[in-house]
Protein backbone atom coordinates (compact mmCIF):
# COMPACT_ATOMS: atom_id res chain seq x y z
CA MET A 1 0.00 0.00 0.00
CA ALA A 2 1.09 3.53 -0.57
CA GLN A 3 2.42 5.46 2.35
CA ALA A 4 0.22 8.32 3.48
CA GLU A 5 1.37 11.18 5.65
CA LEU A 6 -1.20 12.24 8.22
CA GLY A 7 -2.31 15.71 7.27
CA ASP A 8 -4.58 18.31 8.82
CA GLN A 9 -7.65 16.70 7.29
CA GLY A 10 -6.70 13.25 8.55
CA THR A 11 -5.56 10.23 6.60
CA ALA A 12 -6.55 10.29 2.93
CA GLY A 13 -8.12 13.70 3.44
CA ALA A 14 -11.10 12.53 5.46
CA PRO A 15 -13.42 15.48 6.24
CA ALA A 16 -13.51 16.67 9.84
CA LYS A 17 -17.25 15.92 10.18
CA ARG A 18 -16.76 12.34 9.04
CA ARG A 19 -13.91 11.86 11.49
CA ALA A 20 -16.08 13.28 14.29
CA ALA A 21 -18.86 10.85 13.40
CA ALA A 22 -16.39 7.94 13.33
CA LEU A 23 -14.97 9.04 16.68
CA THR A 24 -18.48 9.06 18.15
CA VAL A 25 -19.01 5.47 16.97
CA LEU A 26 -15.73 4.37 18.55
CA VAL A 27 -16.24 6.02 21.94
CA VAL A 28 -19.87 4.88 22.28
CA GLY A 29 -18.78 1.30 21.61
CA MET A 30 -15.97 1.71 24.13
CA LEU A 31 -18.37 3.16 26.71
CA MET A 32 -20.70 0.17 26.30
CA ASP A 33 -17.82 -2.16 27.09
CA LEU A 34 -16.56 -0.19 30.07
CA LEU A 35 -20.04 0.29 31.55
CA ASP A 36 -20.50 -3.47 31.66
CA THR A 37 -17.58 -3.61 34.09
CA SER A 38 -19.33 -1.43 36.68
CA ILE A 39 -23.04 -1.43 35.87
CA VAL A 40 -23.60 -4.96 37.15
CA ASN A 41 -22.35 -4.42 40.72
CA VAL A 42 -25.47 -2.81 42.12
CA ALA A 43 -27.69 -5.57 40.72
CA LEU A 44 -25.73 -8.49 42.20
CA PRO A 45 -28.03 -9.18 45.19
CA GLU A 46 -31.11 -9.25 42.93
CA ILE A 47 -29.29 -11.52 40.47
CA GLN A 48 -28.41 -13.85 43.33
CA ALA A 49 -32.01 -13.98 44.55
CA ASP A 50 -33.52 -14.42 41.09
CA LEU A 51 -31.15 -17.14 39.87
CA ASP A 52 -30.45 -18.68 43.28
CA ALA A 53 -26.81 -18.03 42.43
CA SER A 54 -23.90 -18.83 44.71
CA SER A 55 -21.51 -16.26 46.13
CA SER A 56 -18.82 -17.54 43.75
CA ALA A 57 -21.18 -16.92 40.82
CA LEU A 58 -21.56 -13.32 42.02
CA GLN A 59 -17.79 -12.89 42.08
CA TRP A 60 -17.41 -14.38 38.64
CA THR A 61 -20.21 -12.27 37.22
CA VAL A 62 -17.73 -9.41 37.66
CA ALA A 63 -14.36 -11.20 37.43
CA GLY A 64 -15.51 -13.42 34.55
CA TYR A 65 -15.95 -10.29 32.44
CA ALA A 66 -12.78 -8.50 33.55
CA LEU A 67 -10.38 -11.45 33.22
CA PRO A 68 -10.84 -12.31 29.50
CA PHE A 69 -11.15 -8.58 28.81
CA ALA A 70 -7.68 -8.10 30.31
CA ILE A 71 -5.99 -11.17 28.85
CA GLY A 72 -7.45 -10.63 25.39
CA MET A 73 -6.84 -6.88 24.99
CA ILE A 74 -3.31 -7.10 23.61
CA THR A 75 -4.21 -10.03 21.37
CA GLY A 76 -7.30 -8.12 20.24
CA GLY A 77 -5.08 -5.21 19.26
CA ARG A 78 -2.84 -7.50 17.23
CA LEU A 79 -5.85 -9.03 15.46
CA GLY A 80 -6.83 -5.51 14.39
CA ASP A 81 -3.30 -4.89 13.10
CA LEU A 82 -3.37 -8.14 11.11
CA PHE A 83 -6.91 -8.36 9.77
CA GLY A 84 -8.15 -4.76 9.85
CA ARG A 85 -9.22 -2.65 12.79
CA LYS A 86 -12.65 -1.87 11.38
CA ARG A 87 -13.38 -5.55 10.76
CA ILE A 88 -12.31 -6.64 14.26
CA PHE A 89 -14.22 -3.77 15.89
CA ILE A 90 -17.40 -4.78 14.05
CA ILE A 91 -16.92 -8.47 14.88
CA GLY A 92 -16.32 -7.62 18.54
CA LEU A 93 -19.37 -5.33 18.65
CA ALA A 94 -21.62 -7.94 17.00
CA LEU A 95 -20.44 -10.55 19.51
CA PHE A 96 -20.99 -8.08 22.34
CA VAL A 97 -24.61 -7.53 21.28
CA LEU A 98 -25.19 -11.28 20.98
CA THR A 99 -23.61 -12.11 24.34
CA SER A 100 -25.56 -9.27 25.98
CA LEU A 101 -28.76 -10.95 24.81
CA LEU A 102 -27.59 -14.35 26.05
CA THR A 103 -26.58 -12.87 29.41
CA ALA A 104 -29.99 -11.20 29.75
CA VAL A 105 -31.82 -14.52 29.29
CA ALA A 106 -29.52 -16.60 31.53
CA GLN A 107 -31.47 -18.99 33.75
CA THR A 108 -28.73 -20.12 36.12
CA GLY A 109 -25.68 -18.63 37.77
CA GLY A 110 -23.45 -20.87 35.66
CA GLN A 111 -25.02 -19.66 32.41
CA LEU A 112 -24.66 -16.06 33.54
CA VAL A 113 -20.96 -16.48 34.28
CA GLY A 114 -20.33 -18.26 30.98
CA PHE A 115 -22.01 -15.53 28.96
CA ARG A 116 -20.18 -12.84 30.94
CA VAL A 117 -16.89 -14.49 30.00
CA ALA A 118 -17.97 -14.37 26.36
CA GLN A 119 -18.86 -10.69 26.79
CA GLY A 120 -15.35 -10.05 28.10
CA VAL A 121 -13.86 -11.69 25.01
CA ALA A 122 -16.00 -9.46 22.79
CA ALA A 123 -14.88 -6.38 24.72
CA ALA A 124 -11.25 -7.42 24.27
CA LEU A 125 -11.77 -7.38 20.51
CA MET A 126 -13.43 -3.95 20.46
CA VAL A 127 -11.58 -1.68 22.88
CA PRO A 128 -8.01 -1.95 21.45
CA GLN A 129 -9.29 -0.84 18.04
CA VAL A 130 -10.48 2.50 19.45
CA ILE A 131 -7.07 4.02 20.22
CA ALA A 132 -5.44 2.41 17.17
CA THR A 133 -8.10 3.84 14.84
CA ILE A 134 -7.83 7.29 16.42
CA GLN A 135 -4.09 7.22 15.75
CA VAL A 136 -4.80 6.47 12.09
CA MET A 137 -7.58 9.07 11.70
CA TYR A 138 -5.72 11.99 13.27
CA ALA A 139 -2.29 13.52 12.77
CA PRO A 140 -0.01 13.54 15.85
CA HIS A 141 -0.70 17.19 16.62
CA GLU A 142 -4.47 16.54 16.41
CA ARG A 143 -4.68 13.49 18.67
CA ALA A 144 -4.80 15.12 22.09
CA ARG A 145 -8.50 15.97 21.99
CA PRO A 146 -9.85 12.66 20.58
CA LEU A 147 -7.59 10.65 22.90
CA THR A 148 -8.85 12.70 25.84
CA VAL A 149 -12.43 11.97 24.77
CA ALA A 150 -11.64 8.23 24.64
CA ALA A 151 -9.88 8.29 28.02
CA SER A 152 -12.85 10.11 29.57
CA MET A 153 -15.00 7.03 28.90
CA TYR A 154 -13.28 5.34 31.86
CA ALA A 155 -14.37 8.16 34.16
CA ILE A 156 -17.88 8.35 32.69
CA SER A 157 -18.41 4.60 33.08
CA ALA A 158 -17.22 4.68 36.70
CA MET A 159 -19.45 7.65 37.45
CA THR A 160 -22.64 6.49 35.75
CA GLY A 161 -22.39 2.70 36.03
CA PRO A 162 -23.79 2.20 39.56
CA PHE A 163 -26.61 4.72 39.14
CA LEU A 164 -27.57 3.47 35.66
CA GLY A 165 -27.52 -0.11 36.91
CA ALA A 166 -29.79 0.82 39.82
CA LEU A 167 -32.14 2.81 37.57
CA LEU A 168 -32.53 0.05 34.98
CA THR A 169 -32.96 -2.67 37.59
CA GLU A 170 -35.41 -0.85 39.84
CA SER A 171 -37.51 0.48 36.95
CA ASP A 172 -38.31 -3.18 36.20
CA ILE A 173 -39.31 -2.45 32.60
CA ALA A 174 -41.66 -5.19 31.30
CA GLY A 175 -40.85 -7.14 34.46
CA MET A 176 -37.27 -7.71 33.28
CA GLY A 177 -35.59 -6.39 36.47
CA TRP A 178 -31.80 -6.82 36.43
CA ARG A 179 -31.90 -8.24 32.90
CA MET A 180 -32.41 -4.71 31.55
CA ILE A 181 -28.79 -3.80 32.34
CA PHE A 182 -27.80 -6.22 29.56
CA LEU A 183 -30.81 -5.80 27.26
CA VAL A 184 -30.12 -2.07 26.92
CA ASN A 185 -26.92 -2.98 25.05
CA ILE A 186 -28.90 -4.50 22.19
CA PRO A 187 -30.62 -1.47 20.59
CA VAL A 188 -27.63 0.78 21.30
CA GLY A 189 -25.25 -1.84 19.93
CA ILE A 190 -27.24 -2.37 16.74
CA VAL A 191 -27.27 1.38 16.00
CA VAL A 192 -23.51 1.61 16.63
CA LEU A 193 -22.94 -1.51 14.52
CA ILE A 194 -24.76 -0.04 11.51
CA ALA A 195 -22.95 3.28 11.93
CA ALA A 196 -19.59 1.49 12.19
CA VAL A 197 -20.10 -0.24 8.83
CA TYR A 198 -20.58 3.10 7.05
CA LEU A 199 -18.45 5.51 9.07
CA LEU A 200 -15.34 3.79 10.39
CA PRO A 201 -12.13 4.00 8.36
CA ASP A 202 -10.47 0.75 7.37
CA SER A 203 -6.83 0.24 8.32
CA LYS A 204 -4.33 -2.39 9.31
CA SER A 205 -0.59 -2.63 9.83
CA GLU A 206 1.81 -4.05 7.25
CA THR A 207 4.42 -4.63 9.96
CA ALA A 208 2.23 -6.67 12.34
CA THR A 209 3.63 -10.07 13.29
CA ARG A 210 2.10 -13.29 14.56
CA LEU A 211 -0.11 -13.63 17.62
CA ASP A 212 1.34 -14.95 20.87
CA LEU A 213 -1.50 -17.40 21.52
CA THR A 214 0.73 -19.58 23.70
CA GLY A 215 1.47 -16.61 25.95
CA MET A 216 -2.22 -15.80 26.21
CA ILE A 217 -3.03 -19.39 27.25
CA LEU A 218 -0.20 -19.47 29.82
CA ALA A 219 -1.35 -16.15 31.31
CA ALA A 220 -4.94 -17.40 31.50
CA VAL A 221 -3.87 -20.63 33.22
CA ALA A 222 -1.74 -18.78 35.79
CA LEU A 223 -4.54 -16.34 36.65
CA LEU A 224 -7.24 -19.03 36.78
CA LEU A 225 -5.11 -21.15 39.12
CA LEU A 226 -5.09 -18.16 41.48
CA LEU A 227 -8.58 -16.74 41.04
CA TYR A 228 -10.84 -19.78 40.66
CA PRO A 229 -9.97 -21.25 44.09
CA LEU A 230 -10.51 -17.83 45.68
CA ALA A 231 -13.98 -17.64 44.15
CA VAL A 232 -15.19 -21.13 45.08
CA GLY A 233 -13.09 -21.85 48.18
CA HIS A 234 -15.66 -20.55 50.68
CA GLU A 235 -18.53 -22.64 49.32
CA GLU A 236 -16.35 -25.74 49.04
CA GLY A 237 -15.05 -25.38 52.60
CA TRP A 238 -11.51 -24.57 51.45
CA PRO A 239 -10.41 -28.11 50.53
CA LEU A 240 -6.76 -28.94 49.95
CA TRP A 241 -7.02 -28.60 46.16
CA THR A 242 -7.82 -24.87 46.44
CA PHE A 243 -4.51 -24.20 48.21
CA ILE A 244 -2.61 -26.45 45.79
CA CYS A 245 -4.04 -24.54 42.82
CA MET A 246 -3.12 -21.18 44.33
CA ALA A 247 0.41 -22.43 45.02
CA LEU A 248 0.71 -23.71 41.44
CA SER A 249 -0.18 -20.27 40.11
CA LEU A 250 3.35 -19.10 41.00
CA PRO A 251 5.26 -21.65 38.86
CA ALA A 252 2.65 -21.17 36.12
CA LEU A 253 3.39 -17.44 36.19
CA ALA A 254 7.13 -18.21 36.07
CA ILE A 255 6.61 -20.38 32.97
CA PHE A 256 4.67 -17.52 31.36
CA VAL A 257 7.54 -15.11 32.09
CA MET A 258 10.13 -17.53 30.65
CA HIS A 259 8.01 -17.94 27.54
CA GLN A 260 7.80 -14.16 27.15
CA ARG A 261 11.58 -13.86 27.48
CA GLY A 262 11.94 -16.22 24.54
CA GLN A 263 9.64 -14.23 22.27
CA ALA A 264 11.79 -12.14 19.98
CA THR A 265 8.74 -10.66 18.26
CA SER A 266 5.20 -9.89 19.43
CA PRO A 267 5.38 -10.99 23.08
CA LEU A 268 2.15 -10.62 25.03
CA LEU A 269 4.10 -8.91 27.84
CA PRO A 270 7.38 -7.30 26.70
CA ILE A 271 9.70 -8.25 29.56
CA GLN A 272 12.16 -5.46 28.72
CA LEU A 273 9.61 -2.97 30.04
CA PHE A 274 10.40 -4.09 33.58
CA ARG A 275 13.89 -2.67 33.22
CA HIS A 276 12.26 0.71 33.78
CA ARG A 277 11.55 1.45 37.46
CA SER A 278 8.68 3.75 36.58
CA PHE A 279 6.87 1.03 34.64
CA THR A 280 7.29 -1.57 37.38
CA GLY A 281 6.06 0.85 40.03
CA GLY A 282 3.16 2.07 37.93
CA LEU A 283 2.03 -1.46 37.03
CA THR A 284 2.09 -2.47 40.70
CA ILE A 285 0.03 0.57 41.69
CA LEU A 286 -2.54 -0.02 38.95
CA VAL A 287 -2.99 -3.73 39.75
CA LEU A 288 -3.39 -3.12 43.48
CA GLY A 289 -5.38 0.10 43.04
CA PHE A 290 -7.96 -1.44 40.72
CA ALA A 291 -8.05 -4.58 42.87
CA THR A 292 -8.91 -2.35 45.82
CA VAL A 293 -11.62 -0.37 44.04
CA TYR A 294 -13.42 -3.31 42.43
CA GLY A 295 -13.05 -5.58 45.45
CA PHE A 296 -14.40 -2.85 47.73
CA PHE A 297 -17.36 -2.11 45.47
CA LEU A 298 -18.36 -5.78 45.31
CA ALA A 299 -18.30 -6.21 49.08
CA PHE A 300 -19.92 -2.84 49.76
CA THR A 301 -22.77 -3.39 47.29
CA VAL A 302 -23.65 -6.84 48.61
CA TYR A 303 -23.33 -5.66 52.21
CA LEU A 304 -25.64 -2.66 51.79
CA GLN A 305 -28.42 -4.57 50.06
CA THR A 306 -28.19 -7.97 51.70
CA TYR A 307 -27.37 -7.00 55.28
CA GLU A 308 -28.45 -3.35 55.59
CA GLY A 309 -31.70 -3.60 53.66
CA TYR A 310 -30.81 -0.86 51.15
CA SER A 311 -32.95 -0.72 48.02
CA ILE A 312 -31.14 -0.97 44.69
CA MET A 313 -31.59 2.74 44.01
CA ARG A 314 -30.45 3.76 47.48
CA ALA A 315 -27.34 1.59 47.08
CA GLY A 316 -26.69 3.11 43.66
CA VAL A 317 -26.85 6.61 45.12
CA ALA A 318 -24.49 5.60 47.93
CA LEU A 319 -22.00 4.24 45.40
CA ILE A 320 -22.16 7.16 42.98
CA TRP A 321 -20.18 9.59 45.17
CA TRP A 322 -16.88 7.84 44.42
CA GLY A 323 -17.49 7.97 40.67
CA LEU A 324 -18.62 11.60 40.74
CA VAL A 325 -15.59 12.87 42.61
CA ALA A 326 -12.84 10.75 41.01
CA PRO A 327 -12.91 12.37 37.51
CA ILE A 328 -12.81 15.88 38.99
CA PHE A 329 -9.69 15.18 41.05
CA GLY A 330 -8.22 13.11 38.21
CA GLY A 331 -8.41 16.20 36.00
CA LEU A 332 -6.86 18.34 38.72
CA ALA A 333 -4.05 15.80 39.15
CA LEU A 334 -3.25 15.68 35.43
CA ASN A 335 -3.51 19.36 34.61
CA VAL A 336 -2.69 21.27 37.79
CA LEU A 337 -1.28 19.28 40.69
CA GLY A 338 0.90 16.73 38.86
CA PRO A 339 3.00 19.24 36.91
CA ARG A 340 3.57 21.22 40.11
CA PHE A 341 4.06 18.58 42.82
CA GLY A 342 5.12 15.49 40.89
CA ARG A 343 4.75 11.97 42.25
CA ARG A 344 3.73 13.32 45.65
CA VAL A 345 0.26 13.75 44.18
CA VAL A 346 0.06 10.01 43.53
CA GLN A 347 1.32 9.30 47.05
CA VAL A 348 -1.14 11.70 48.67
CA GLY A 349 -3.92 10.09 46.63
CA LEU A 350 -2.98 6.62 47.90
CA LEU A 351 -2.87 7.91 51.47
CA VAL A 352 -6.35 9.41 51.04
CA MET A 353 -7.60 6.05 49.72
CA ILE A 354 -6.26 4.37 52.86
CA LEU A 355 -7.99 7.04 54.94
CA ALA A 356 -11.25 6.42 53.04
CA LEU A 357 -11.17 2.68 53.67
CA PHE A 358 -10.17 3.15 57.29
CA SER A 359 -13.01 5.68 57.71
CA MET A 360 -15.43 3.11 56.30
CA MET A 361 -14.19 0.61 58.89
CA LEU A 362 -14.77 3.14 61.68
CA VAL A 363 -18.25 3.99 60.38
CA MET A 364 -19.23 0.33 60.31
CA ASN A 365 -17.80 -0.32 63.78
CA GLU A 366 -19.45 2.77 65.26
CA TYR A 367 -22.84 2.78 63.56
CA GLY A 368 -23.18 -0.73 62.15
CA PRO A 369 -26.68 -1.28 60.74
CA ASP A 370 -27.65 2.31 61.66
CA ALA A 371 -25.18 3.84 59.19
CA GLY A 372 -27.16 6.03 56.80
CA SER A 373 -26.37 7.35 53.32
CA GLY A 374 -25.15 10.67 54.72
CA ILE A 375 -22.63 9.02 57.03
CA LEU A 376 -21.39 6.74 54.25
CA ALA A 377 -20.96 9.64 51.82
CA LEU A 378 -17.80 10.99 53.49
CA PRO A 379 -15.68 7.83 53.07
CA MET A 380 -16.97 7.46 49.52
CA VAL A 381 -16.01 11.05 48.65
CA LEU A 382 -12.57 10.49 50.19
CA GLY A 383 -12.20 7.33 48.10
CA GLY A 384 -13.05 9.25 44.94
CA ILE A 385 -10.53 11.96 45.82
CA GLY A 386 -7.80 9.41 46.50
CA GLY A 387 -8.53 7.33 43.42
CA GLY A 388 -8.70 10.41 41.21
CA LEU A 389 -5.38 11.79 42.45
CA SER A 390 -3.51 8.49 42.20
CA LEU A 391 -4.92 6.07 39.62
CA VAL A 392 -5.48 8.68 36.89
CA LEU A 393 -2.07 10.30 37.17
CA VAL A 394 0.00 7.15 37.68
CA VAL A 395 -0.26 6.01 34.02
CA ASP A 396 1.54 9.17 32.91
CA TYR A 397 4.32 8.55 35.41
CA ALA A 398 4.55 4.83 34.69
CA ILE A 399 5.64 5.36 31.07
CA SER A 400 7.76 8.46 31.67
CA ASP A 401 11.06 6.52 31.63
CA VAL A 402 9.97 4.17 28.83
CA PRO A 403 11.52 4.96 25.41
CA VAL A 404 9.14 6.31 22.79
CA THR A 405 9.62 3.14 20.72
CA GLU A 406 8.20 1.04 23.59
CA ALA A 407 5.51 3.48 24.77
CA GLY A 408 2.74 1.80 22.76
CA SER A 409 3.44 -1.61 24.26
CA ALA A 410 3.70 -0.12 27.75
CA SER A 411 0.36 1.68 27.43
CA GLY A 412 -1.34 -1.48 26.18
CA VAL A 413 -0.01 -3.55 29.06
CA LEU A 414 -0.99 -0.92 31.64
CA ASN A 415 -4.53 -0.78 30.26
CA ALA A 416 -4.78 -4.57 30.37
CA VAL A 417 -3.52 -4.92 33.94
CA GLN A 418 -6.26 -2.61 35.18
CA GLN A 419 -8.74 -5.35 34.29
CA VAL A 420 -6.44 -8.01 35.78
CA GLY A 421 -6.42 -5.99 39.00
CA ALA A 422 -10.21 -5.80 38.93
CA ALA A 423 -10.47 -9.60 38.61
CA ILE A 424 -7.94 -10.18 41.41
CA GLY A 425 -9.68 -7.71 43.73
CA VAL A 426 -13.16 -9.13 43.16
CA SER A 427 -11.88 -12.67 43.78
CA ALA A 428 -9.66 -11.94 46.79
CA VAL A 429 -11.77 -9.36 48.63
CA GLY A 430 -14.94 -11.24 47.72
CA ALA A 431 -13.50 -14.49 49.11
CA LEU A 432 -12.64 -12.82 52.41
CA PHE A 433 -16.00 -11.04 52.69
CA PHE A 434 -18.15 -14.09 51.95
CA ASP A 435 -16.04 -16.15 54.35
CA LEU A 436 -16.59 -13.68 57.22
CA VAL A 437 -20.26 -12.68 56.87
CA PRO A 438 -22.87 -14.76 58.75
CA GLU A 439 -24.82 -17.28 56.71
CA GLU A 440 -27.82 -17.68 59.03
CA MET A 441 -30.20 -15.20 60.62
CA SER A 442 -29.72 -14.42 64.32
CA PRO A 443 -30.54 -11.57 66.72
CA THR A 444 -27.08 -10.12 66.07
CA PHE A 445 -27.15 -10.84 62.33
CA GLN A 446 -26.68 -7.24 61.16
CA GLN A 447 -23.99 -6.41 63.69
CA GLU A 448 -22.04 -9.53 62.78
CA ALA A 449 -22.27 -8.57 59.11
CA SER A 450 -21.12 -5.04 59.95
CA ASP A 451 -18.12 -6.40 61.85
CA ALA A 452 -17.33 -8.76 58.97
CA PHE A 453 -17.39 -5.92 56.45
CA GLY A 454 -15.07 -3.86 58.66
CA LEU A 455 -12.59 -6.74 58.89
CA THR A 456 -12.77 -7.24 55.12
CA MET A 457 -11.52 -3.68 54.63
CA ILE A 458 -8.15 -4.70 56.12
CA LEU A 459 -7.24 -6.47 52.86
CA PRO A 460 -7.80 -3.51 50.48
CA ILE A 461 -6.06 -1.23 53.01
CA CYS A 462 -3.02 -3.51 52.85
CA MET A 463 -3.18 -3.51 49.04
CA VAL A 464 -3.07 0.29 48.90
CA ALA A 465 -0.26 0.34 51.47
CA VAL A 466 1.87 -1.87 49.18
CA ALA A 467 0.96 0.39 46.25
CA LEU A 468 2.17 3.35 48.31
CA VAL A 469 5.55 1.67 48.78
CA ALA A 470 5.71 0.97 45.03
CA SER A 471 5.05 4.66 44.31
CA PHE A 472 8.65 5.45 45.30
CA LEU A 473 9.70 3.68 42.07
CA LEU A 474 8.03 6.45 40.09
CA PRO A 475 10.12 9.42 38.98
CA ARG A 476 9.78 12.59 41.03
CA ARG A 477 8.74 14.45 37.91
CA VAL A 478 7.31 13.17 34.64
CA SER A 479 9.21 13.79 31.42
CA HIS A 480 7.91 13.30 27.93
CA PRO A 481 10.58 12.56 25.31
CA GLU A 482 9.79 14.01 21.93
CA ALA A 483 8.21 11.46 19.63
CA PRO A 484 9.59 11.01 16.12
CA PRO A 485 7.43 12.03 13.16
CA THR A 486 4.56 9.62 12.57
CA THR A 487 3.45 8.10 9.30
CA VAL A 488 1.05 5.30 8.51
CA GLU A 489 1.56 2.63 5.92
CA GLU A 490 -1.91 2.63 4.46
CA PRO A 491 -4.63 5.01 3.41
CA VAL A 492 -7.96 4.95 5.18
CA THR A 493 -10.99 4.45 3.01
CA ALA A 494 -14.58 5.38 3.67
CA GLY A 495 -15.85 1.87 3.63
């Protein structure tokens, strides 16, 4: 194909209005995927009651989506490079619509988990194409705004997910209840699918190499050996095999690392990235930070509705404070505080997250079942402040020491490990919470549940404390080496 320099009008002279329409298609598809990570949390107790699902099924309703999403993201990006980003985006979106329908009609907890896993695979095909297509549609000096729009989908999904999930579930449209949180994807997805066929540019890379399917399988095995026993251990009574599997996850991870070292081209996880202190520190913070947030939200949602008698809408309102505050302080961290105070902003954010979780422990110990929405709002606001200051800014610092030639790989890995962290947090914190809460009604049922929730918070507090230690691997100030001029190898067509 002929080489095309990215000009002011975009690749192959695409009009600005057409690029804006294509960008809208991409970010709406991305938002659908990201919302399905958070929208389900508030409906978990109703799902459990309706399907008579186990506690492990609840954990895997969340982790079963996040895990294949994480493992498949890099491979999904490579599929777009090889076979065309438009084609893979459309395939992923079509699968996402189909699996949303299947998830909505699930009749058992096992079916629900299976379809959620399939949804995660579909998301892994779609999301990597968004950034890659933006890079093709826009010249380097034009990319800041569309990339900011795409990045804002993470904040929007975190902010709106719990409330939207509560609204759709409690509205009980046509008696569908919680199923509406998945059914709503179908009409939206069909519209986006049709628009994608006509509006998205078509591109692929002529330099893309083979897929590292072996690496993907090894990573999946290592994570499943760790996470599956955590999810089912409580219900099974923690038999010996659960501990054996968790122990085997370490050598499985070592085999994965050795395999990656031997990959001269297209490794799933470029091992050379760990030579950079900033990347190692940033990856650790993101894994533990997202594990904390998602693990906390799972336990908090189930606790409020199952043991405190909160309605779905009331729980959604209680959860929304974190998501409302986090984007505001994330913007402050990126644009104002980070450039002035450096990595101390990340460290202060992690300290505030610890304070938020500790405050939640104190609230539960002091008020127990009498804790109202107003009392719970303060820890949630603190959590949003801490998460916004730390988890938004840390990505910028994590790749600051990484050479420009490796920045794309580093960004892809950091995006993927956020979902890995979510799966780990849901499994680990969920396992501890379900192991501590009472299973039978008693006169002290609510107080016992309150005490159990408070004890559960010790684990995410420890996770953030380790992340705080890792923050000292970040540079004191972020530096952005100048990128070389960018060209693409292929023109983008209208169809």
